[in-house]
Protein backbone atom coordinates (compact mmCIF):
# COMPACT_ATOMS: atom_id res chain seq x y z
CA MET A 1 -212.10 98.45 -232.89
CA ASN A 2 -213.45 99.23 -229.53
CA PRO A 3 -213.48 102.83 -228.20
CA SER A 4 -211.63 101.47 -225.06
CA THR A 5 -208.99 99.51 -226.43
CA ARG A 6 -204.87 101.48 -226.30
CA ALA A 7 -203.70 101.95 -229.57
CA ALA A 8 -199.93 102.18 -230.04
CA CYS A 9 -197.75 102.91 -233.18
CA VAL A 10 -194.40 103.00 -235.16
CA ILE A 11 -193.56 106.20 -236.68
CA GLY A 12 -190.69 106.81 -239.21
CA TYR A 13 -190.02 107.28 -243.02
CA PRO A 14 -190.58 104.67 -245.32
CA ALA A 15 -191.31 102.28 -242.02
CA LYS A 16 -193.53 99.48 -243.95
CA HIS A 17 -190.23 97.16 -243.66
CA SER A 18 -191.00 97.07 -239.72
CA ARG A 19 -191.34 94.36 -237.78
CA SER A 20 -192.86 95.97 -234.75
CA PRO A 21 -196.13 95.69 -235.47
CA LYS A 22 -195.76 91.47 -235.50
CA LEU A 23 -194.08 91.88 -232.26
CA HIS A 24 -196.08 93.88 -230.50
CA GLY A 25 -199.14 92.33 -231.49
CA HIS A 26 -197.65 88.56 -230.24
CA TRP A 27 -197.26 90.51 -226.80
CA LEU A 28 -200.71 91.51 -227.30
CA GLU A 29 -202.20 88.23 -228.09
CA ARG A 30 -200.23 86.37 -224.92
CA TYR A 31 -200.99 88.48 -222.65
CA GLY A 32 -204.39 89.08 -223.29
CA VAL A 33 -204.27 92.93 -223.87
CA ASP A 34 -206.87 95.06 -225.51
CA GLY A 35 -204.54 96.61 -227.36
CA ASP A 36 -203.61 97.36 -231.10
CA TYR A 37 -200.07 98.72 -233.04
CA ARG A 38 -199.96 99.97 -235.82
CA ILE A 39 -197.75 101.16 -238.79
CA GLU A 40 -197.66 105.23 -239.42
CA GLU A 41 -195.50 106.52 -242.34
CA ILE A 42 -195.23 109.57 -241.76
CA GLU A 43 -193.02 111.95 -243.96
CA PRO A 44 -190.44 114.46 -241.66
CA GLU A 45 -192.60 117.72 -243.09
CA HIS A 46 -195.29 116.41 -241.64
CA PHE A 47 -194.55 114.34 -238.14
CA GLN A 48 -194.93 117.54 -235.81
CA ALA A 49 -197.81 117.65 -236.35
CA PHE A 50 -199.15 114.19 -236.21
CA LEU A 51 -196.61 113.75 -233.04
CA LEU A 52 -198.51 116.67 -231.25
CA ASN A 53 -202.23 115.21 -232.14
CA LEU A 54 -200.95 111.83 -231.50
CA SER A 55 -204.04 111.34 -229.00
CA GLN A 56 -206.68 112.59 -231.67
CA HIS A 57 -205.17 109.88 -234.16
CA GLY A 58 -206.14 107.62 -231.55
CA TYR A 59 -202.75 106.85 -229.78
CA VAL A 60 -201.49 106.18 -226.21
CA GLY A 61 -198.06 106.23 -226.66
CA ALA A 62 -195.30 105.35 -230.28
CA ASN A 63 -192.14 104.18 -231.08
CA VAL A 64 -190.14 106.46 -233.16
CA THR A 65 -187.52 105.15 -236.17
CA MET A 66 -185.43 107.16 -239.19
CA PRO A 67 -185.60 109.82 -239.80
CA HIS A 68 -188.03 110.87 -236.63
CA LYS A 69 -185.66 109.86 -233.47
CA ASP A 70 -184.17 113.60 -233.28
CA ALA A 71 -187.05 115.75 -233.98
CA ALA A 72 -188.55 113.20 -231.15
CA LEU A 73 -186.90 114.07 -228.50
CA LYS A 74 -187.38 118.23 -229.94
CA LEU A 75 -191.10 117.65 -229.52
CA SER A 76 -191.34 116.01 -225.89
CA GLU A 77 -190.58 116.33 -222.60
CA PRO A 78 -187.59 113.94 -222.34
CA ASP A 79 -185.61 111.57 -219.61
CA GLU A 80 -182.21 111.83 -218.29
CA ARG A 81 -181.27 108.51 -220.93
CA ALA A 82 -182.89 110.25 -224.18
CA LEU A 83 -180.88 113.56 -223.31
CA GLY A 84 -178.16 111.43 -222.79
CA ILE A 85 -178.36 109.49 -226.25
CA GLY A 86 -179.13 112.50 -227.94
CA ALA A 87 -182.41 110.97 -229.49
CA ALA A 88 -185.71 109.48 -228.52
CA ASN A 89 -187.40 105.90 -229.77
CA THR A 90 -190.58 105.36 -227.45
CA LEU A 91 -192.81 107.68 -227.00
CA TRP A 92 -195.93 108.66 -224.22
CA LEU A 93 -198.20 110.15 -223.20
CA ASP A 94 -198.43 110.56 -219.48
CA LYS A 95 -201.85 113.27 -217.67
CA GLY A 96 -201.45 114.70 -221.27
CA ASN A 97 -198.04 115.75 -221.44
CA LEU A 98 -195.92 113.51 -224.04
CA ARG A 99 -192.87 112.04 -223.04
CA SER A 100 -190.10 110.23 -224.19
CA THR A 101 -186.91 107.64 -223.13
CA ASN A 102 -184.63 105.68 -225.60
CA THR A 103 -185.16 102.15 -224.83
CA ASP A 104 -182.22 101.12 -227.55
CA VAL A 105 -179.78 100.95 -224.16
CA ASP A 106 -182.48 98.33 -223.28
CA GLY A 107 -181.22 96.64 -226.33
CA PHE A 108 -177.61 96.29 -226.06
CA VAL A 109 -177.89 95.08 -221.65
CA GLY A 110 -180.69 93.16 -222.03
CA ALA A 111 -179.50 91.01 -224.57
CA LEU A 112 -176.40 90.99 -222.80
CA ASP A 113 -178.04 89.99 -219.99
CA SER A 114 -179.86 87.10 -221.46
CA ALA A 115 -176.77 85.35 -223.04
CA ALA A 116 -174.25 86.39 -219.98
CA PRO A 117 -175.67 87.09 -217.00
CA GLY A 118 -173.63 89.00 -214.40
CA TRP A 119 -171.42 89.98 -217.55
CA HIS A 120 -170.52 93.68 -216.37
CA ASP A 121 -169.27 92.58 -212.49
CA ARG A 122 -166.24 90.34 -214.89
CA ILE A 123 -166.07 93.51 -217.59
CA THR A 124 -164.27 96.62 -216.74
CA SER A 125 -163.60 97.96 -220.34
CA ALA A 126 -165.00 97.29 -224.32
CA VAL A 127 -164.29 98.17 -227.48
CA VAL A 128 -167.52 100.10 -229.15
CA LEU A 129 -166.82 100.11 -233.64
CA GLY A 130 -168.83 102.87 -233.98
CA ALA A 131 -169.36 106.59 -232.30
CA GLY A 132 -173.25 107.24 -234.57
CA GLY A 133 -176.93 107.04 -232.98
CA ALA A 134 -176.22 103.50 -231.43
CA GLY A 135 -173.08 104.01 -230.72
CA ARG A 136 -174.05 106.64 -228.09
CA ALA A 137 -176.93 104.29 -227.05
CA VAL A 138 -174.09 101.60 -226.68
CA VAL A 139 -171.57 103.55 -224.92
CA TYR A 140 -173.93 105.15 -222.41
CA GLY A 141 -175.14 101.35 -221.62
CA LEU A 142 -171.89 100.60 -220.61
CA LEU A 143 -171.23 103.05 -219.08
CA GLU A 144 -174.32 102.78 -216.49
CA ARG A 145 -173.75 99.94 -215.83
CA GLY A 146 -170.18 100.48 -214.09
CA LEU A 147 -167.82 100.15 -217.59
CA THR A 148 -164.77 102.19 -215.89
CA THR A 149 -163.33 102.00 -220.00
CA VAL A 150 -165.26 102.07 -223.38
CA HIS A 151 -162.56 102.41 -226.33
CA VAL A 152 -165.06 104.18 -229.31
CA VAL A 153 -163.83 103.42 -232.51
CA ASN A 154 -164.28 105.44 -235.33
CA ARG A 155 -163.63 106.18 -239.55
CA THR A 156 -164.23 109.74 -238.66
CA TYR A 157 -162.15 110.95 -235.37
CA THR A 158 -164.49 113.72 -234.66
CA LYS A 159 -167.58 111.73 -234.01
CA ALA A 160 -164.99 109.43 -231.43
CA THR A 161 -164.05 112.67 -229.78
CA ALA A 162 -167.47 114.04 -229.01
CA LEU A 163 -168.85 111.09 -227.03
CA ARG A 164 -165.47 111.67 -224.59
CA GLU A 165 -167.27 115.11 -224.03
CA ALA A 166 -170.26 113.83 -223.92
CA TYR A 167 -169.87 111.00 -221.91
CA GLY A 168 -166.61 112.14 -219.73
CA SER A 169 -163.08 110.21 -219.42
CA SER A 170 -164.25 106.68 -219.46
CA VAL A 171 -164.51 106.54 -222.98
CA GLU A 172 -161.60 106.40 -225.01
CA PRO A 173 -161.68 107.46 -229.02
CA ALA A 174 -159.69 105.92 -231.34
CA HIS A 175 -158.43 105.71 -234.52
CA TRP A 176 -159.57 102.43 -236.55
CA GLU A 177 -156.24 102.10 -237.60
CA ASP A 178 -155.86 101.71 -233.21
CA LEU A 179 -158.33 98.65 -233.77
CA PRO A 180 -155.68 95.27 -233.71
CA LYS A 181 -154.12 96.61 -230.88
CA LEU A 182 -157.24 97.58 -229.31
CA LEU A 183 -158.81 94.15 -229.84
CA GLU A 184 -156.04 92.37 -227.63
CA GLY A 185 -157.47 91.39 -224.59
CA ALA A 186 -160.65 92.74 -225.01
CA SER A 187 -163.52 91.25 -223.03
CA LEU A 188 -166.37 92.89 -224.72
CA LEU A 189 -166.56 93.71 -228.90
CA ALA A 190 -169.96 95.77 -229.68
CA ASN A 191 -170.39 96.34 -233.50
CA ALA A 192 -172.28 99.48 -233.99
CA THR A 193 -172.09 99.92 -237.53
CA SER A 194 -174.05 98.99 -240.32
CA LEU A 195 -170.89 97.01 -241.93
CA GLY A 196 -171.78 92.98 -242.08
CA MET A 197 -175.54 94.30 -242.82
CA ASP A 198 -176.74 92.22 -246.37
CA GLY A 199 -175.74 94.74 -248.71
CA GLN A 200 -172.53 95.79 -246.95
CA PRO A 201 -169.10 95.54 -246.33
CA THR A 202 -168.53 92.89 -244.02
CA LEU A 203 -165.76 94.32 -240.98
CA GLY A 204 -163.29 91.81 -241.47
CA ILE A 205 -161.45 92.23 -238.20
CA ASP A 206 -159.46 89.56 -236.59
CA LEU A 207 -161.07 88.53 -233.09
CA SER A 208 -158.25 86.33 -232.87
CA THR A 209 -156.62 88.44 -230.04
CA LEU A 210 -159.83 89.10 -227.84
CA ALA A 211 -160.30 87.51 -224.12
CA ALA A 212 -160.71 84.14 -224.31
CA ASP A 213 -163.75 84.57 -222.57
CA ALA A 214 -164.95 87.64 -224.78
CA ILE A 215 -168.79 88.79 -225.74
CA VAL A 216 -169.40 90.04 -229.17
CA SER A 217 -172.32 91.88 -230.16
CA ASP A 218 -173.73 92.85 -233.22
CA ILE A 219 -176.21 95.62 -233.86
CA VAL A 220 -177.52 93.87 -237.04
CA TYR A 221 -179.84 91.50 -237.82
CA VAL A 222 -180.07 91.35 -241.62
CA PRO A 223 -178.42 88.14 -242.08
CA LEU A 224 -178.55 86.97 -238.03
CA LYS A 225 -175.77 85.35 -237.86
CA THR A 226 -172.73 88.35 -239.51
CA PRO A 227 -169.88 87.09 -240.59
CA LEU A 228 -168.36 88.89 -237.51
CA LEU A 229 -170.72 86.36 -235.16
CA ALA A 230 -169.94 83.65 -237.04
CA ALA A 231 -165.94 84.06 -236.51
CA ALA A 232 -166.66 84.69 -233.14
CA GLU A 233 -168.92 81.62 -232.42
CA GLU A 234 -166.18 79.56 -234.47
CA ARG A 235 -164.32 80.84 -231.47
CA GLY A 236 -166.47 79.87 -229.04
CA PHE A 237 -167.00 83.33 -227.78
CA THR A 238 -170.64 84.48 -226.45
CA THR A 239 -172.27 86.15 -228.79
CA THR A 240 -175.87 88.71 -229.18
CA ASN A 241 -177.03 90.34 -231.86
CA GLY A 242 -179.55 92.38 -233.68
CA LEU A 243 -182.63 90.87 -233.38
CA GLU A 244 -181.84 90.02 -229.73
CA MET A 245 -181.46 94.05 -229.13
CA LEU A 246 -184.49 94.77 -230.80
CA LEU A 247 -186.97 92.68 -228.74
CA HIS A 248 -185.07 93.88 -225.57
CA GLN A 249 -185.78 97.30 -226.22
CA ALA A 250 -189.06 96.35 -227.15
CA VAL A 251 -190.25 95.71 -223.84
CA GLY A 252 -190.29 99.56 -221.91
CA GLY A 253 -192.39 100.91 -224.85
CA PHE A 254 -194.86 97.65 -224.12
CA LYS A 255 -194.71 97.76 -220.26
CA LEU A 256 -195.57 101.95 -220.46
CA TRP A 257 -198.56 101.78 -223.18
CA PHE A 258 -200.42 98.74 -221.95
CA GLY A 259 -199.02 97.96 -218.46
CA VAL A 260 -198.07 95.12 -218.55
CA ARG A 261 -193.44 94.45 -218.41
CA PRO A 262 -193.16 91.73 -221.34
CA GLU A 263 -191.05 88.40 -221.20
CA VAL A 264 -188.31 88.10 -224.28
CA THR A 265 -188.68 83.85 -225.22
CA ARG A 266 -187.28 81.88 -226.83
CA GLU A 267 -190.62 81.36 -228.89
CA LEU A 268 -190.54 85.33 -229.66
CA TYR A 269 -187.43 84.75 -231.22
CA GLU A 270 -188.73 81.90 -233.02
CA LEU A 271 -190.60 83.82 -234.03
CA MET A 272 -189.67 86.66 -235.38
CA ALA A 273 -186.45 85.07 -237.05
CA ALA A 274 -188.56 82.98 -238.96
CA ASP A 275 -188.88 85.49 -242.01
CA ILE A 276 -184.88 86.85 -241.23
CA PRO A 277 -181.79 85.14 -243.32
CA ALA A 278 -179.98 83.38 -240.79
CA THR A 279 -176.53 84.09 -243.04
CA SER A 280 -175.16 86.54 -245.60
């Protein structure tokens, strides 16, 4: 590799399954960037040492995936978004300082912007399933776009109430049993749980009472069309899937590391979707 080549990586444990090298490799080639993107499978006990010596390993930045997102936040200088979500997934070196952000928000709202331009101008409330790391990013993004009410439904109710404590009165925590009532007339439903993923139980919820012009989003991307999204499409709702979110969340990191803001195109989506099951 040329000494002037800029390199970034994805750090996780495990990480061999990551689709990020294929994604960033496409952009590097498309934009003619002298860059490289690799996988670094780092065990938790070695993560701190690796991160604090990122430049010595030849990197200008990194994506961070499970189980390192919390540690990445603590070992870096996080921006407001990473602090608000409580996890960092994108790191970059800035004059020797290790900085971090969370681009999962960009992934969620970017997919919505692409599928339903202007969505936030007509939607004032939403229902979010799940209050874990993905749920926090989804809720943060919705509030950032001006929604005034976000119902967070979680089987462990205290996790939903924690989001209200973190983000304020616009967050309405709810029990799973409350879901049928909350769906009545709802304009946006987002699944931020693993339910519907290959090997996991399905959500099995009735979408018939959603608003006629509702949007249904699912963070899961294996399969591309979860049972939730299949049911939503049957009713004519606009949908976004987890792969679309994955592509949009990658834009910010690429720009930070390589100096080019890449586009999420249909060609890229089809390239990345080629080896992912379409349905369960």
